[in-house]
Amino acid sequence: MALARFEQVARLDTAEREGSGLGLPLTIGLIEAHGGSMKINSSIGHGTKVTFELPCARIVN
């Protein structure tokens, strides 16, 4: 599962796996620490869309 620490999702087009598997878990942790949320929508053949929202209170001027 891509959202679990140190886990990676196998790609169909290659057997290679790069990285430590921490990118998404760290990103989600930072977003949630600031009171935000993240959504991932993915479909085979169409790609993946990742969106996140942060509360307005987290904006610094």
PDB file of N, CA and C in Angstrom:
ATOM      1  N   MET A   1       0.844  -1.176   0.000  1.00  0.00           N
ATOM      2  CA  MET A   1       0.000   0.000   0.000  1.00  0.00           C
ATOM      3  C   MET A   1       0.887   1.236   0.000  1.00  0.00           C
ATOM      4  N   ALA A   2       0.638   2.151  -0.875  1.00  0.00           N
ATOM      5  CA  ALA A   2       1.490   3.323  -1.069  1.00  0.00           C
ATOM      6  C   ALA A   2       1.497   4.267   0.121  1.00  0.00           C
ATOM      7  N   LEU A   3       0.494   4.210   0.971  1.00  0.00           N
ATOM      8  CA  LEU A   3       0.409   5.150   2.085  1.00  0.00           C
ATOM      9  C   LEU A   3       1.061   4.621   3.361  1.00  0.00           C
ATOM     10  N   ALA A   4       1.487   3.380   3.356  1.00  0.00           N
ATOM     11  CA  ALA A   4       2.146   2.799   4.521  1.00  0.00           C
ATOM     12  C   ALA A   4       3.643   3.111   4.472  1.00  0.00           C
ATOM     13  N   ARG A   5       4.229   3.376   5.630  1.00  0.00           N
ATOM     14  CA  ARG A   5       5.659   3.676   5.679  1.00  0.00           C
ATOM     15  C   ARG A   5       6.480   2.484   5.195  1.00  0.00           C
ATOM     16  N   PHE A   6       7.492   2.789   4.422  1.00  0.00           N
ATOM     17  CA  PHE A   6       8.450   1.819   3.872  1.00  0.00           C
ATOM     18  C   PHE A   6       7.811   0.818   2.911  1.00  0.00           C
ATOM     19  N   GLU A   7       6.642   1.116   2.400  1.00  0.00           N
ATOM     20  CA  GLU A   7       5.981   0.260   1.415  1.00  0.00           C
ATOM     21  C   GLU A   7       6.011   0.955   0.055  1.00  0.00           C
ATOM     22  N   GLN A   8       6.004   0.171  -0.989  1.00  0.00           N
ATOM     23  CA  GLN A   8       5.951   0.693  -2.344  1.00  0.00           C
ATOM     24  C   GLN A   8       4.959  -0.128  -3.149  1.00  0.00           C
ATOM     25  N   VAL A   9       4.363   0.512  -4.126  1.00  0.00           N
ATOM     26  CA  VAL A   9       3.409  -0.159  -5.000  1.00  0.00           C
ATOM     27  C   VAL A   9       4.153  -0.616  -6.250  1.00  0.00           C
ATOM     28  N   ALA A  10       3.963  -1.853  -6.639  1.00  0.00           N
ATOM     29  CA  ALA A  10       4.608  -2.379  -7.840  1.00  0.00           C
ATOM     30  C   ALA A  10       4.026  -1.713  -9.079  1.00  0.00           C
ATOM     31  N   ARG A  11       4.894  -1.354  -9.991  1.00  0.00           N
ATOM     32  CA  ARG A  11       4.451  -0.788 -11.276  1.00  0.00           C
ATOM     33  C   ARG A  11       4.349  -1.906 -12.292  1.00  0.00           C
ATOM     34  N   LEU A  12       3.370  -1.813 -13.153  1.00  0.00           N
ATOM     35  CA  LEU A  12       3.179  -2.845 -14.174  1.00  0.00           C
ATOM     36  C   LEU A  12       4.212  -2.761 -15.287  1.00  0.00           C
ATOM     37  N   ASP A  13       4.742  -1.551 -15.547  1.00  0.00           N
ATOM     38  CA  ASP A  13       5.634  -1.368 -16.689  1.00  0.00           C
ATOM     39  C   ASP A  13       7.111  -1.574 -16.361  1.00  0.00           C
ATOM     40  N   THR A  14       7.445  -1.792 -15.093  1.00  0.00           N
ATOM     41  CA  THR A  14       8.844  -1.991 -14.723  1.00  0.00           C
ATOM     42  C   THR A  14       8.936  -2.748 -13.405  1.00  0.00           C
ATOM     43  N   ALA A  15      10.021  -3.457 -13.237  1.00  0.00           N
ATOM     44  CA  ALA A  15      10.235  -4.180 -11.977  1.00  0.00           C
ATOM     45  C   ALA A  15      11.028  -3.332 -10.992  1.00  0.00           C
ATOM     46  N   GLU A  16      11.550  -2.183 -11.459  1.00  0.00           N
ATOM     47  CA  GLU A  16      12.361  -1.320 -10.606  1.00  0.00           C
ATOM     48  C   GLU A  16      11.529  -0.629  -9.538  1.00  0.00           C
ATOM     49  N   ARG A  17      12.128  -0.483  -8.388  1.00  0.00           N
ATOM     50  CA  ARG A  17      11.521   0.280  -7.304  1.00  0.00           C
ATOM     51  C   ARG A  17      12.607   1.165  -6.725  1.00  0.00           C
ATOM     52  N   GLU A  18      12.354   2.457  -6.734  1.00  0.00           N
ATOM     53  CA  GLU A  18      13.323   3.396  -6.198  1.00  0.00           C
ATOM     54  C   GLU A  18      12.738   4.076  -4.981  1.00  0.00           C
ATOM     55  N   GLY A  19      13.606   4.537  -4.105  1.00  0.00           N
ATOM     56  CA  GLY A  19      13.166   5.284  -2.936  1.00  0.00           C
ATOM     57  C   GLY A  19      12.958   4.399  -1.720  1.00  0.00           C
ATOM     58  N   SER A  20      12.646   5.075  -0.622  1.00  0.00           N
ATOM     59  CA  SER A  20      12.498   4.374   0.652  1.00  0.00           C
ATOM     60  C   SER A  20      11.052   4.073   1.006  1.00  0.00           C
ATOM     61  N   GLY A  21      10.112   4.649   0.268  1.00  0.00           N
ATOM     62  CA  GLY A  21       8.706   4.428   0.583  1.00  0.00           C
ATOM     63  C   GLY A  21       8.201   5.340   1.684  1.00  0.00           C
ATOM     64  N   LEU A  22       8.839   6.498   1.838  1.00  0.00           N
ATOM     65  CA  LEU A  22       8.432   7.427   2.889  1.00  0.00           C
ATOM     66  C   LEU A  22       7.783   8.711   2.368  1.00  0.00           C
ATOM     67  N   GLY A  23       7.830   8.958   1.084  1.00  0.00           N
ATOM     68  CA  GLY A  23       7.341  10.221   0.528  1.00  0.00           C
ATOM     69  C   GLY A  23       5.893  10.536   0.861  1.00  0.00           C
ATOM     70  N   LEU A  24       4.979   9.643   0.526  1.00  0.00           N
ATOM     71  CA  LEU A  24       3.557   9.904   0.801  1.00  0.00           C
ATOM     72  C   LEU A  24       3.236   9.911   2.293  1.00  0.00           C
ATOM     73  N   PRO A  25       3.757   8.973   3.083  1.00  0.00           N
ATOM     74  CA  PRO A  25       3.471   9.039   4.521  1.00  0.00           C
ATOM     75  C   PRO A  25       3.967  10.338   5.172  1.00  0.00           C
ATOM     76  N   LEU A  26       5.149  10.818   4.779  1.00  0.00           N
ATOM     77  CA  LEU A  26       5.648  12.077   5.331  1.00  0.00           C
ATOM     78  C   LEU A  26       4.789  13.254   4.893  1.00  0.00           C
ATOM     79  N   THR A  27       4.395  13.256   3.626  1.00  0.00           N
ATOM     80  CA  THR A  27       3.551  14.329   3.104  1.00  0.00           C
ATOM     81  C   THR A  27       2.217  14.377   3.834  1.00  0.00           C
ATOM     82  N   ILE A  28       1.580  13.227   3.996  1.00  0.00           N
ATOM     83  CA  ILE A  28       0.300  13.172   4.704  1.00  0.00           C
ATOM     84  C   ILE A  28       0.476  13.631   6.152  1.00  0.00           C
ATOM     85  N   GLY A  29       1.560  13.212   6.790  1.00  0.00           N
ATOM     86  CA  GLY A  29       1.816  13.613   8.171  1.00  0.00           C
ATOM     87  C   GLY A  29       1.952  15.118   8.321  1.00  0.00           C
ATOM     88  N   LEU A  30       2.669  15.751   7.399  1.00  0.00           N
ATOM     89  CA  LEU A  30       2.825  17.206   7.453  1.00  0.00           C
ATOM     90  C   LEU A  30       1.502  17.927   7.216  1.00  0.00           C
ATOM     91  N   ILE A  31       0.752  17.458   6.228  1.00  0.00           N
ATOM     92  CA  ILE A  31      -0.545  18.084   5.929  1.00  0.00           C
ATOM     93  C   ILE A  31      -1.481  17.946   7.125  1.00  0.00           C
ATOM     94  N   GLU A  32      -1.562  16.757   7.712  1.00  0.00           N
ATOM     95  CA  GLU A  32      -2.449  16.535   8.851  1.00  0.00           C
ATOM     96  C   GLU A  32      -1.979  17.300  10.092  1.00  0.00           C
ATOM     97  N   ALA A  33      -0.670  17.472  10.262  1.00  0.00           N
ATOM     98  CA  ALA A  33      -0.148  18.238  11.397  1.00  0.00           C
ATOM     99  C   ALA A  33      -0.586  19.694  11.336  1.00  0.00           C
ATOM    100  N   HIS A  34      -0.876  20.167  10.134  1.00  0.00           N
ATOM    101  CA  HIS A  34      -1.343  21.539   9.951  1.00  0.00           C
ATOM    102  C   HIS A  34      -2.859  21.625   9.838  1.00  0.00           C
ATOM    103  N   GLY A  35      -3.540  20.529  10.162  1.00  0.00           N
ATOM    104  CA  GLY A  35      -4.996  20.530  10.157  1.00  0.00           C
ATOM    105  C   GLY A  35      -5.613  20.338   8.786  1.00  0.00           C
ATOM    106  N   GLY A  36      -4.850  19.854   7.843  1.00  0.00           N
ATOM    107  CA  GLY A  36      -5.343  19.677   6.485  1.00  0.00           C
ATOM    108  C   GLY A  36      -5.723  18.246   6.174  1.00  0.00           C
ATOM    109  N   SER A  37      -6.059  18.030   4.912  1.00  0.00           N
ATOM    110  CA  SER A  37      -6.429  16.697   4.443  1.00  0.00           C
ATOM    111  C   SER A  37      -5.890  16.488   3.031  1.00  0.00           C
ATOM    112  N   MET A  38      -5.728  15.235   2.675  1.00  0.00           N
ATOM    113  CA  MET A  38      -5.220  14.882   1.351  1.00  0.00           C
ATOM    114  C   MET A  38      -6.096  13.796   0.757  1.00  0.00           C
ATOM    115  N   LYS A  39      -6.364  13.906  -0.545  1.00  0.00           N
ATOM    116  CA  LYS A  39      -7.162  12.908  -1.258  1.00  0.00           C
ATOM    117  C   LYS A  39      -6.370  12.410  -2.459  1.00  0.00           C
ATOM    118  N   ILE A  40      -6.470  11.111  -2.716  1.00  0.00           N
ATOM    119  CA  ILE A  40      -5.816  10.508  -3.874  1.00  0.00           C
ATOM    120  C   ILE A  40      -6.871   9.768  -4.682  1.00  0.00           C
ATOM    121  N   ASN A  41      -6.968  10.126  -5.954  1.00  0.00           N
ATOM    122  CA  ASN A  41      -7.860   9.427  -6.881  1.00  0.00           C
ATOM    123  C   ASN A  41      -7.007   8.858  -8.002  1.00  0.00           C
ATOM    124  N   SER A  42      -7.095   7.553  -8.207  1.00  0.00           N
ATOM    125  CA  SER A  42      -6.276   6.899  -9.206  1.00  0.00           C
ATOM    126  C   SER A  42      -7.105   5.889  -9.982  1.00  0.00           C
ATOM    127  N   SER A  43      -6.871   5.836 -11.287  1.00  0.00           N
ATOM    128  CA  SER A  43      -7.535   4.826 -12.101  1.00  0.00           C
ATOM    129  C   SER A  43      -6.568   4.341 -13.172  1.00  0.00           C
ATOM    130  N   ILE A  44      -6.578   3.055 -13.392  1.00  0.00           N
ATOM    131  CA  ILE A  44      -5.674   2.436 -14.359  1.00  0.00           C
ATOM    132  C   ILE A  44      -5.925   3.017 -15.743  1.00  0.00           C
ATOM    133  N   GLY A  45      -4.843   3.406 -16.397  1.00  0.00           N
ATOM    134  CA  GLY A  45      -4.933   3.956 -17.743  1.00  0.00           C
ATOM    135  C   GLY A  45      -5.238   5.441 -17.793  1.00  0.00           C
ATOM    136  N   HIS A  46      -5.570   6.042 -16.643  1.00  0.00           N
ATOM    137  CA  HIS A  46      -5.898   7.468 -16.621  1.00  0.00           C
ATOM    138  C   HIS A  46      -4.962   8.270 -15.734  1.00  0.00           C
ATOM    139  N   GLY A  47      -4.270   7.619 -14.807  1.00  0.00           N
ATOM    140  CA  GLY A  47      -3.319   8.312 -13.957  1.00  0.00           C
ATOM    141  C   GLY A  47      -3.831   8.531 -12.554  1.00  0.00           C
ATOM    142  N   THR A  48      -3.113   9.373 -11.838  1.00  0.00           N
ATOM    143  CA  THR A  48      -3.402   9.642 -10.441  1.00  0.00           C
ATOM    144  C   THR A  48      -3.496  11.140 -10.209  1.00  0.00           C
ATOM    145  N   LYS A  49      -4.491  11.538  -9.434  1.00  0.00           N
ATOM    146  CA  LYS A  49      -4.676  12.940  -9.068  1.00  0.00           C
ATOM    147  C   LYS A  49      -4.614  13.034  -7.543  1.00  0.00           C
ATOM    148  N   VAL A  50      -3.707  13.880  -7.053  1.00  0.00           N
ATOM    149  CA  VAL A  50      -3.559  14.085  -5.616  1.00  0.00           C
ATOM    150  C   VAL A  50      -3.894  15.536  -5.317  1.00  0.00           C
ATOM    151  N   THR A  51      -4.793  15.743  -4.361  1.00  0.00           N
ATOM    152  CA  THR A  51      -5.149  17.099  -3.944  1.00  0.00           C
ATOM    153  C   THR A  51      -5.050  17.187  -2.426  1.00  0.00           C
ATOM    154  N   PHE A  52      -4.743  18.380  -1.945  1.00  0.00           N
ATOM    155  CA  PHE A  52      -4.741  18.571  -0.503  1.00  0.00           C
ATOM    156  C   PHE A  52      -5.297  19.948  -0.179  1.00  0.00           C
ATOM    157  N   GLU A  53      -5.833  20.059   1.018  1.00  0.00           N
ATOM    158  CA  GLU A  53      -6.389  21.319   1.504  1.00  0.00           C
ATOM    159  C   GLU A  53      -5.789  21.628   2.866  1.00  0.00           C
ATOM    160  N   LEU A  54      -5.479  22.898   3.074  1.00  0.00           N
ATOM    161  CA  LEU A  54      -5.011  23.375   4.364  1.00  0.00           C
ATOM    162  C   LEU A  54      -5.959  24.459   4.847  1.00  0.00           C
ATOM    163  N   PRO A  55      -6.176  24.571   6.155  1.00  0.00           N
ATOM    164  CA  PRO A  55      -7.047  25.619   6.661  1.00  0.00           C
ATOM    165  C   PRO A  55      -6.447  26.999   6.415  1.00  0.00           C
ATOM    166  N   CYS A  56      -7.296  27.982   6.194  1.00  0.00           N
ATOM    167  CA  CYS A  56      -6.845  29.365   5.967  1.00  0.00           C
ATOM    168  C   CYS A  56      -6.001  29.875   7.128  1.00  0.00           C
ATOM    169  N   ALA A  57      -6.260  29.392   8.324  1.00  0.00           N
ATOM    170  CA  ALA A  57      -5.524  29.831   9.504  1.00  0.00           C
ATOM    171  C   ALA A  57      -4.030  29.509   9.411  1.00  0.00           C
ATOM    172  N   ARG A  58      -3.646  28.590   8.542  1.00  0.00           N
ATOM    173  CA  ARG A  58      -2.237  28.207   8.403  1.00  0.00           C
ATOM    174  C   ARG A  58      -1.467  29.121   7.454  1.00  0.00           C
ATOM    175  N   ILE A  59      -2.146  30.087   6.827  1.00  0.00           N
ATOM    176  CA  ILE A  59      -1.484  30.998   5.891  1.00  0.00           C
ATOM    177  C   ILE A  59      -0.751  32.074   6.681  1.00  0.00           C
ATOM    178  N   VAL A  60       0.511  32.309   6.313  1.00  0.00           N
ATOM    179  CA  VAL A  60       1.318  33.313   6.973  1.00  0.00           C
ATOM    180  C   VAL A  60       1.597  34.427   5.976  1.00  0.00           C
ATOM    181  N   ASN A  61       1.325  35.646   6.373  1.00  0.00           N
ATOM    182  CA  ASN A  61       1.599  36.804   5.512  1.00  0.00           C
ATOM    183  C   ASN A  61       2.873  37.495   5.930  1.00  0.00           C
TER     184      ASN A  61
END
